[in-house]
Structure formats: C-alpha cells, structure tokens
Amino acid sequence: METVLKTVGLSKKYGSRYVVRGVNMTINKGDIYGFIGKNGAGKTTFMRVILGLSEPTEGSFELFGGISREEAPADAAAPDNGQNVLWRWQWRAMAASATVLKITAKENMKRFALLKGADANSIDGILEFVGLGDVGNKKAGKFSLGMKQRLGIAVALLGDPEFLVLDEPVNGLDPAGMKEVRDLIVKLNKERGITVLISSHLLDELSKIVTRYGIINNGVLVDELGAAEIKARGECKLRIVADDAEKAAELLKNAVGEAAITVNGHAIEISVGAERSAELNKLLVQNGVAVSALYVTTDGLEKYFIERVGG
C-alpha cells in the first residue's frame, strides 16, 4: 500500500512551548483520515507544517514515499508528468477565505490556475464536479458559506492533486451545508481517488465518512486506529426523523420498550441494532407516520475520544 504522508518525530515549538510534539503519523493512499482533538490540541499547527506554511522545529515528513518539502529541488513546483512529489501535494488546503469575494467563481478559479500553473481548461469541469457549475458567473461574495467552502475545494483541485488537506471544512455550516461538503469529500475520494486529511471537532460528522483516525492531545498523537475499531467499541443506535414524533415515539415504545427511546424535537433515537431499521420504518409508515430520515449511529468515536483525552 502506497504511503501518502509519513511523519517521524514531527515537532513544532513556539518559544519554550511545544505545540506539536513527536508526531509519528502514517496516512495511506485512499484514506479519509480524521484528525481529531480538542481546540488548541495542535491540529492546525501540524497541518501548517506539512503544508510548508511553517517550519518544523524537530523531526521530518515524507510525501508519497519521497522527499520532504524542505529537501525538494528549487524547481519542484513545476509539474513533471504527474510524478513530481511536490506537485502532487502542493496547494491542498484552500480555505474559502482565500477566494476574492468581489469577483466571480470562474474569475477566482482563473486567478488561482494562473498562480499554480494549472490548466484553465479544467475550470468548468471542476466547478461542475463540486456542484457550482451553474453559478460560475456569480460573485463569490453572494455565495452561502457552504458554497464558499466548495469553491475553496474547487480551487484546491486545480492541478489534479492526489492529497487534499482540509481544516475544519464544515465549521459554521448549517446541516444542509454540512451534508453537501461531506458528500463532496466522499465523492472526491471514491471517484477521483484523492486521499484526504481532515481535521474537525465535530465528531458525529467525521464518523459518517472517515476510514482512519488520529487523535491528538496537547500536541501529542495519542492514537491511530481504523473506523471499524472505533465502531466496535460503541453502542449502535437508530436515529429516525419523523413528521409526527409524538405518534412515532408511542409506536416505537410498543415495539422496543420505553427505555430504548429518546425524543428530541422531530428526531427519535432508538437503542437497537441496524438490523431492525427496516422493520421499524415499516411500522411507522404503515401507521401513517412520514419518515424523512433514518440512519444508524454509534457513540463509539465520542466515547473513545473522551477516554483518550478527557471530557
């Protein structure tokens, strides 16, 4: 399996204080790697170091099994038949704030294509891919926050990267915006084969897409493990969103017992396994309750995270 990112003893110190200390991380090709930790744990500083935006104090890192940015030749930013290590990872993290709000999405893309030496002919296809094909001529300042985030990702896709780094990409978004960005990340991974490193403090959102996790606490990477391991540690639950939650709850109590039901607005959480989802959905529909969403959740990630870093 190809290694996309490998860090060895990577540290960053400001003054006498270590913000990142001795991080040994491995991200393999095809991973959606969730990088989680409390606010101030060192996530953003670590990402800035691997992106070359900040110099490491100690340690080293390799990308695609090749040389680190510090060791790259001076002309490494130029594409070399898609094989140049630096070209394959450079420009991965483009925050929405990097876009110019007074010009259109297409004009933003053209500016960054020129800056990066990327093919401007790819712009329309990229905007279409991220769901902005019909608003390319609209000023970025008129975009919703979710659309700005997707434009930022579109900019990062110029040059056809293989590794995307995202720092809190759904922070501040409404549920619809979160889903749009989440679905786009999965689409990038599945359809374009892009490996993703994503940091977030929204554990429930991450748990829906991540394949491997790294947990950082006080600058130290305390664990790396797969999503399957996390899932196995938690309690499986069903979450149902219904138009008439009160009626739905009564029906479900008769089926699974009152103790297994928790109601929060239109959402109902049921402490039963996924194998009962079809049965319970059928029960509600047959009794005239419209179900707008039904999905399986687990408290494994939150539970394990708290165990490792504290509440």
Protein backbone atom coordinates (compact mmCIF):
# COMPACT_ATOMS: atom_id res chain seq x y z
CA MET A 1 0.00 0.00 0.00
CA GLU A 2 1.37 3.39 -1.01
CA THR A 3 2.07 5.80 1.83
CA VAL A 4 0.89 9.34 1.12
CA LEU A 5 2.15 11.04 4.29
CA LYS A 6 4.59 9.79 6.89
CA THR A 7 5.87 11.93 9.74
CA VAL A 8 8.68 10.94 12.09
CA GLY A 9 9.02 12.74 15.41
CA LEU A 10 7.49 15.89 13.92
CA SER A 11 7.50 18.75 16.40
CA LYS A 12 6.79 22.47 16.41
CA LYS A 13 7.78 24.73 19.27
CA TYR A 14 7.00 28.39 19.91
CA GLY A 15 9.45 29.77 22.41
CA SER A 16 9.84 27.08 25.05
CA ARG A 17 6.38 25.56 24.47
CA TYR A 18 5.76 22.57 22.20
CA VAL A 19 2.52 22.94 20.24
CA VAL A 20 3.16 19.71 18.32
CA ARG A 21 5.47 17.11 19.83
CA GLY A 22 6.98 13.94 18.39
CA VAL A 23 4.12 13.12 15.99
CA ASN A 24 4.52 9.82 14.11
CA MET A 25 1.65 9.69 11.63
CA THR A 26 1.01 7.47 8.62
CA ILE A 27 -1.66 8.17 6.01
CA ASN A 28 -2.09 5.60 3.24
CA LYS A 29 -3.40 6.12 -0.27
CA GLY A 30 -7.21 6.06 -0.30
CA ASP A 31 -7.64 7.05 3.35
CA ILE A 32 -10.10 9.62 4.58
CA TYR A 33 -8.09 10.35 7.69
CA GLY A 34 -9.90 12.11 10.52
CA PHE A 35 -7.56 14.21 12.65
CA ILE A 36 -9.33 14.96 15.92
CA GLY A 37 -8.51 16.77 19.12
CA LYS A 38 -9.76 19.48 21.43
CA ASN A 39 -9.42 23.13 20.42
CA GLY A 40 -5.77 24.09 20.87
CA ALA A 41 -4.56 20.48 20.68
CA GLY A 42 -2.20 21.23 17.78
CA LYS A 43 -4.24 20.15 14.72
CA THR A 44 -3.91 23.34 12.69
CA THR A 45 -0.23 23.82 13.57
CA PHE A 46 0.53 20.27 12.42
CA MET A 47 -1.28 20.89 9.12
CA ARG A 48 0.59 24.15 8.55
CA VAL A 49 3.89 22.31 8.98
CA ILE A 50 3.12 19.54 6.48
CA LEU A 51 1.85 22.14 4.00
CA GLY A 52 5.12 24.03 4.23
CA LEU A 53 3.48 27.09 5.79
CA SER A 54 5.52 26.69 8.97
CA GLU A 55 8.94 25.15 9.58
CA PRO A 56 9.15 22.12 11.90
CA THR A 57 11.33 22.51 14.97
CA GLU A 58 12.26 18.83 15.01
CA GLY A 59 11.53 15.68 13.04
CA SER A 60 10.72 15.09 9.39
CA PHE A 61 7.94 14.16 7.00
CA GLU A 62 7.70 12.42 3.63
CA LEU A 63 5.02 12.65 0.97
CA PHE A 64 4.28 9.75 -1.39
CA GLY A 65 7.36 7.96 -0.12
CA GLY A 66 9.56 10.73 -1.50
CA ILE A 67 11.38 13.77 -0.27
CA SER A 68 10.01 16.30 2.15
CA ARG A 69 9.29 19.86 1.09
CA GLU A 70 12.45 21.08 2.77
CA GLU A 71 14.56 18.68 0.68
CA ALA A 72 12.79 19.35 -2.63
CA PRO A 73 14.76 20.89 -5.51
CA ALA A 74 14.10 24.55 -6.33
CA ASP A 75 12.10 23.73 -9.45
CA ALA A 76 9.92 21.10 -7.76
CA ALA A 77 6.74 23.18 -8.01
CA ALA A 78 6.59 22.59 -11.76
CA PRO A 79 4.60 19.53 -12.86
CA ASP A 80 6.70 16.62 -14.12
CA ASN A 81 4.39 14.16 -15.85
CA GLY A 82 2.38 13.89 -12.65
CA GLN A 83 5.26 12.22 -10.82
CA ASN A 84 6.83 15.16 -9.05
CA VAL A 85 6.27 14.72 -5.33
CA LEU A 86 5.78 18.39 -4.51
CA TRP A 87 3.33 18.96 -7.37
CA ARG A 88 1.22 16.07 -6.14
CA TRP A 89 0.57 17.62 -2.77
CA GLN A 90 1.12 21.35 -3.07
CA TRP A 91 -1.88 23.68 -2.73
CA ARG A 92 -4.03 21.13 -0.97
CA ALA A 93 -5.65 23.35 1.68
CA MET A 94 -7.51 26.27 0.21
CA ALA A 95 -9.78 27.92 2.75
CA ALA A 96 -12.86 29.71 1.50
CA SER A 97 -11.32 32.94 2.81
CA ALA A 98 -8.60 32.63 0.15
CA THR A 99 -11.13 33.45 -2.56
CA VAL A 100 -11.77 37.03 -3.70
CA LEU A 101 -15.38 37.88 -2.88
CA LYS A 102 -15.73 40.74 -5.35
CA ILE A 103 -15.17 38.57 -8.42
CA THR A 104 -16.99 35.52 -9.80
CA ALA A 105 -16.25 31.90 -9.04
CA LYS A 106 -14.77 31.42 -12.52
CA GLU A 107 -12.58 34.50 -12.17
CA ASN A 108 -11.31 33.18 -8.85
CA MET A 109 -10.51 29.86 -10.48
CA LYS A 110 -8.68 31.58 -13.36
CA ARG A 111 -6.55 33.60 -10.93
CA PHE A 112 -5.51 30.52 -8.99
CA ALA A 113 -4.95 28.49 -12.18
CA LEU A 114 -2.52 31.18 -13.34
CA LEU A 115 -0.82 31.28 -9.94
CA LYS A 116 -0.44 27.49 -9.84
CA GLY A 117 0.39 26.97 -13.49
CA ALA A 118 -2.67 24.73 -13.82
CA ASP A 119 -4.76 24.11 -16.94
CA ALA A 120 -7.51 26.75 -17.11
CA ASN A 121 -9.49 24.48 -19.45
CA SER A 122 -10.28 22.28 -16.44
CA ILE A 123 -12.17 25.04 -14.60
CA ASP A 124 -15.68 24.35 -15.92
CA GLY A 125 -15.38 20.64 -15.20
CA ILE A 126 -14.13 21.23 -11.66
CA LEU A 127 -16.91 23.69 -10.86
CA GLU A 128 -19.43 21.18 -12.19
CA PHE A 129 -17.86 18.43 -10.07
CA VAL A 130 -18.20 20.42 -6.82
CA GLY A 131 -21.79 21.42 -7.61
CA LEU A 132 -21.11 25.02 -8.66
CA GLY A 133 -21.39 24.59 -12.42
CA ASP A 134 -24.49 26.74 -12.73
CA VAL A 135 -23.18 29.63 -10.59
CA GLY A 136 -19.70 30.03 -12.06
CA ASN A 137 -20.51 33.57 -13.18
CA LYS A 138 -21.88 34.62 -9.80
CA LYS A 139 -19.73 36.71 -7.46
CA ALA A 140 -18.23 34.66 -4.64
CA GLY A 141 -19.43 37.27 -2.13
CA LYS A 142 -23.01 36.25 -2.92
CA PHE A 143 -22.34 32.61 -2.09
CA SER A 144 -23.55 30.88 1.08
CA LEU A 145 -20.79 29.71 3.44
CA GLY A 146 -21.22 26.14 2.18
CA MET A 147 -20.81 27.29 -1.43
CA LYS A 148 -17.68 29.24 -0.48
CA GLN A 149 -16.26 26.11 1.10
CA ARG A 150 -16.95 24.15 -2.08
CA LEU A 151 -15.32 26.91 -4.13
CA GLY A 152 -12.27 26.64 -1.89
CA ILE A 153 -12.15 22.90 -2.58
CA ALA A 154 -12.57 23.59 -6.31
CA VAL A 155 -9.51 25.86 -6.18
CA ALA A 156 -7.56 23.09 -4.44
CA LEU A 157 -8.49 20.67 -7.24
CA LEU A 158 -6.68 22.75 -9.85
CA GLY A 159 -3.61 20.79 -10.87
CA ASP A 160 -5.32 17.44 -10.20
CA PRO A 161 -4.00 16.75 -6.66
CA GLU A 162 -3.85 13.31 -5.09
CA PHE A 163 -3.83 14.52 -1.47
CA LEU A 164 -6.28 17.03 0.00
CA VAL A 165 -5.85 18.67 3.42
CA LEU A 166 -8.95 20.23 4.98
CA ASP A 167 -9.00 22.12 8.27
CA GLU A 168 -12.50 22.29 9.83
CA PRO A 169 -14.29 22.31 6.43
CA VAL A 170 -17.82 22.15 7.87
CA ASN A 171 -17.32 24.54 10.78
CA GLY A 172 -20.18 27.07 10.91
CA LEU A 173 -22.28 25.37 8.24
CA ASP A 174 -25.96 24.52 8.61
CA PRO A 175 -26.97 20.84 8.33
CA ALA A 176 -27.61 21.10 4.57
CA GLY A 177 -24.22 22.73 4.00
CA MET A 178 -22.50 20.08 6.13
CA LYS A 179 -24.06 17.32 4.05
CA GLU A 180 -23.03 18.98 0.78
CA VAL A 181 -19.38 19.25 1.86
CA ARG A 182 -19.42 15.77 3.42
CA ASP A 183 -20.83 14.21 0.24
CA LEU A 184 -18.26 16.09 -1.85
CA ILE A 185 -15.37 14.74 0.24
CA VAL A 186 -16.62 11.17 -0.25
CA LYS A 187 -17.09 11.83 -3.98
CA LEU A 188 -13.51 13.12 -4.28
CA ASN A 189 -12.23 10.04 -2.52
CA LYS A 190 -14.29 7.48 -4.44
CA GLU A 191 -14.39 8.98 -7.94
CA ARG A 192 -11.03 10.75 -8.11
CA GLY A 193 -9.05 8.53 -5.76
CA ILE A 194 -7.98 11.52 -3.65
CA THR A 195 -6.60 10.81 -0.20
CA VAL A 196 -7.98 13.24 2.39
CA LEU A 197 -6.68 14.52 5.72
CA ILE A 198 -9.50 16.30 7.51
CA SER A 199 -9.48 17.92 10.93
CA SER A 200 -12.66 18.66 12.83
CA HIS A 201 -14.07 18.81 16.32
CA LEU A 202 -17.49 17.68 15.01
CA LEU A 203 -17.11 14.00 15.80
CA ASP A 204 -20.56 12.93 14.58
CA GLU A 205 -19.90 14.46 11.15
CA LEU A 206 -16.49 12.82 10.85
CA SER A 207 -17.83 9.41 11.86
CA LYS A 208 -20.03 9.36 8.73
CA ILE A 209 -17.12 9.44 6.26
CA VAL A 210 -13.75 8.75 7.92
CA THR A 211 -11.88 5.46 7.38
CA ARG A 212 -9.00 6.06 9.84
CA TYR A 213 -8.47 8.36 12.81
CA GLY A 214 -5.59 10.10 14.51
CA ILE A 215 -6.23 11.55 17.96
CA ILE A 216 -4.04 14.42 19.15
CA ASN A 217 -3.94 15.76 22.71
CA ASN A 218 -1.68 18.57 23.94
CA GLY A 219 0.37 18.29 20.76
CA VAL A 220 0.95 14.53 21.07
CA LEU A 221 -0.61 11.94 18.73
CA VAL A 222 -2.03 9.55 21.31
CA ASP A 223 -3.57 7.02 18.92
CA GLU A 224 -4.17 5.98 15.31
CA LEU A 225 -6.88 3.45 14.53
CA GLY A 226 -9.42 2.42 11.93
CA ALA A 227 -13.09 3.36 11.81
CA ALA A 228 -14.08 -0.30 12.23
CA GLU A 229 -12.19 -0.45 15.53
CA ILE A 230 -13.99 2.66 16.76
CA LYS A 231 -17.38 1.33 15.67
CA ALA A 232 -16.81 -1.94 17.51
CA ARG A 233 -16.27 -0.04 20.76
CA GLY A 234 -19.58 1.83 20.67
CA GLU A 235 -23.28 1.24 21.09
CA CYS A 236 -25.22 1.11 17.83
CA LYS A 237 -28.37 3.25 17.61
CA LEU A 238 -31.02 4.16 15.06
CA ARG A 239 -31.96 7.78 14.53
CA ILE A 240 -35.31 8.50 12.90
CA VAL A 241 -36.67 11.89 11.83
CA ALA A 242 -40.47 11.86 11.54
CA ASP A 243 -43.16 14.46 10.90
CA ASP A 244 -45.16 13.34 13.95
CA ALA A 245 -42.50 12.45 16.52
CA GLU A 246 -45.02 12.01 19.34
CA LYS A 247 -47.03 9.40 17.45
CA ALA A 248 -43.86 7.74 16.19
CA ALA A 249 -42.45 7.50 19.72
CA GLU A 250 -45.59 5.79 21.01
CA LEU A 251 -45.49 3.23 18.22
CA LEU A 252 -41.80 2.59 18.75
CA LYS A 253 -42.18 2.24 22.53
CA ASN A 254 -44.59 -0.62 21.97
CA ALA A 255 -42.08 -2.27 19.63
CA VAL A 256 -38.79 -1.82 21.52
CA GLY A 257 -39.70 -0.62 25.03
CA GLU A 258 -39.85 2.86 26.51
CA ALA A 259 -36.34 2.72 27.95
CA ALA A 260 -34.82 2.43 24.46
CA ILE A 261 -36.42 5.65 23.14
CA THR A 262 -35.13 9.22 23.33
CA VAL A 263 -37.06 12.04 21.63
CA ASN A 264 -35.51 15.37 20.64
CA GLY A 265 -37.85 17.51 18.54
CA HIS A 266 -38.64 15.59 15.36
CA ALA A 267 -35.71 13.23 15.92
CA ILE A 268 -36.03 9.93 17.75
CA GLU A 269 -33.01 7.91 18.89
CA ILE A 270 -33.53 4.20 19.47
CA SER A 271 -31.05 1.93 21.23
CA VAL A 272 -31.37 -1.04 18.88
CA GLY A 273 -29.20 -2.51 16.17
CA ALA A 274 -29.23 -1.67 12.47
CA GLU A 275 -30.90 -5.00 11.66
CA ARG A 276 -34.23 -3.61 12.95
CA SER A 277 -34.22 -0.46 10.80
CA ALA A 278 -36.43 -1.87 8.01
CA GLU A 279 -38.90 -3.35 10.50
CA LEU A 280 -39.31 -0.11 12.46
CA ASN A 281 -39.52 2.05 9.35
CA LYS A 282 -42.28 -0.20 8.01
CA LEU A 283 -44.13 0.05 11.33
CA LEU A 284 -44.18 3.84 11.18
CA VAL A 285 -45.15 4.09 7.52
CA GLN A 286 -47.99 1.56 7.88
CA ASN A 287 -49.37 3.68 10.70
CA GLY A 288 -49.33 6.92 8.73
CA VAL A 289 -46.10 8.45 10.06
CA ALA A 290 -43.93 10.06 7.38
CA VAL A 291 -40.23 9.26 7.91
CA SER A 292 -37.89 11.84 6.34
CA ALA A 293 -34.63 10.27 7.53
CA LEU A 294 -33.42 7.04 9.10
CA TYR A 295 -29.77 6.26 9.73
CA VAL A 296 -27.50 4.26 12.01
CA THR A 297 -25.20 5.98 14.50
CA THR A 298 -22.71 4.83 17.10
CA ASP A 299 -21.33 6.57 20.15
CA GLY A 300 -18.02 4.75 19.72
CA LEU A 301 -15.99 7.72 18.47
CA GLU A 302 -17.16 10.16 21.13
CA LYS A 303 -16.78 7.56 23.87
CA TYR A 304 -13.26 6.59 22.82
CA PHE A 305 -12.20 10.19 22.26
CA ILE A 306 -13.23 11.14 25.80
CA GLU A 307 -11.42 8.09 27.17
CA ARG A 308 -8.18 9.17 25.47
CA VAL A 309 -8.22 12.95 26.01
CA GLY A 310 -10.72 13.52 28.81
CA GLY A 311 -14.10 15.27 28.81
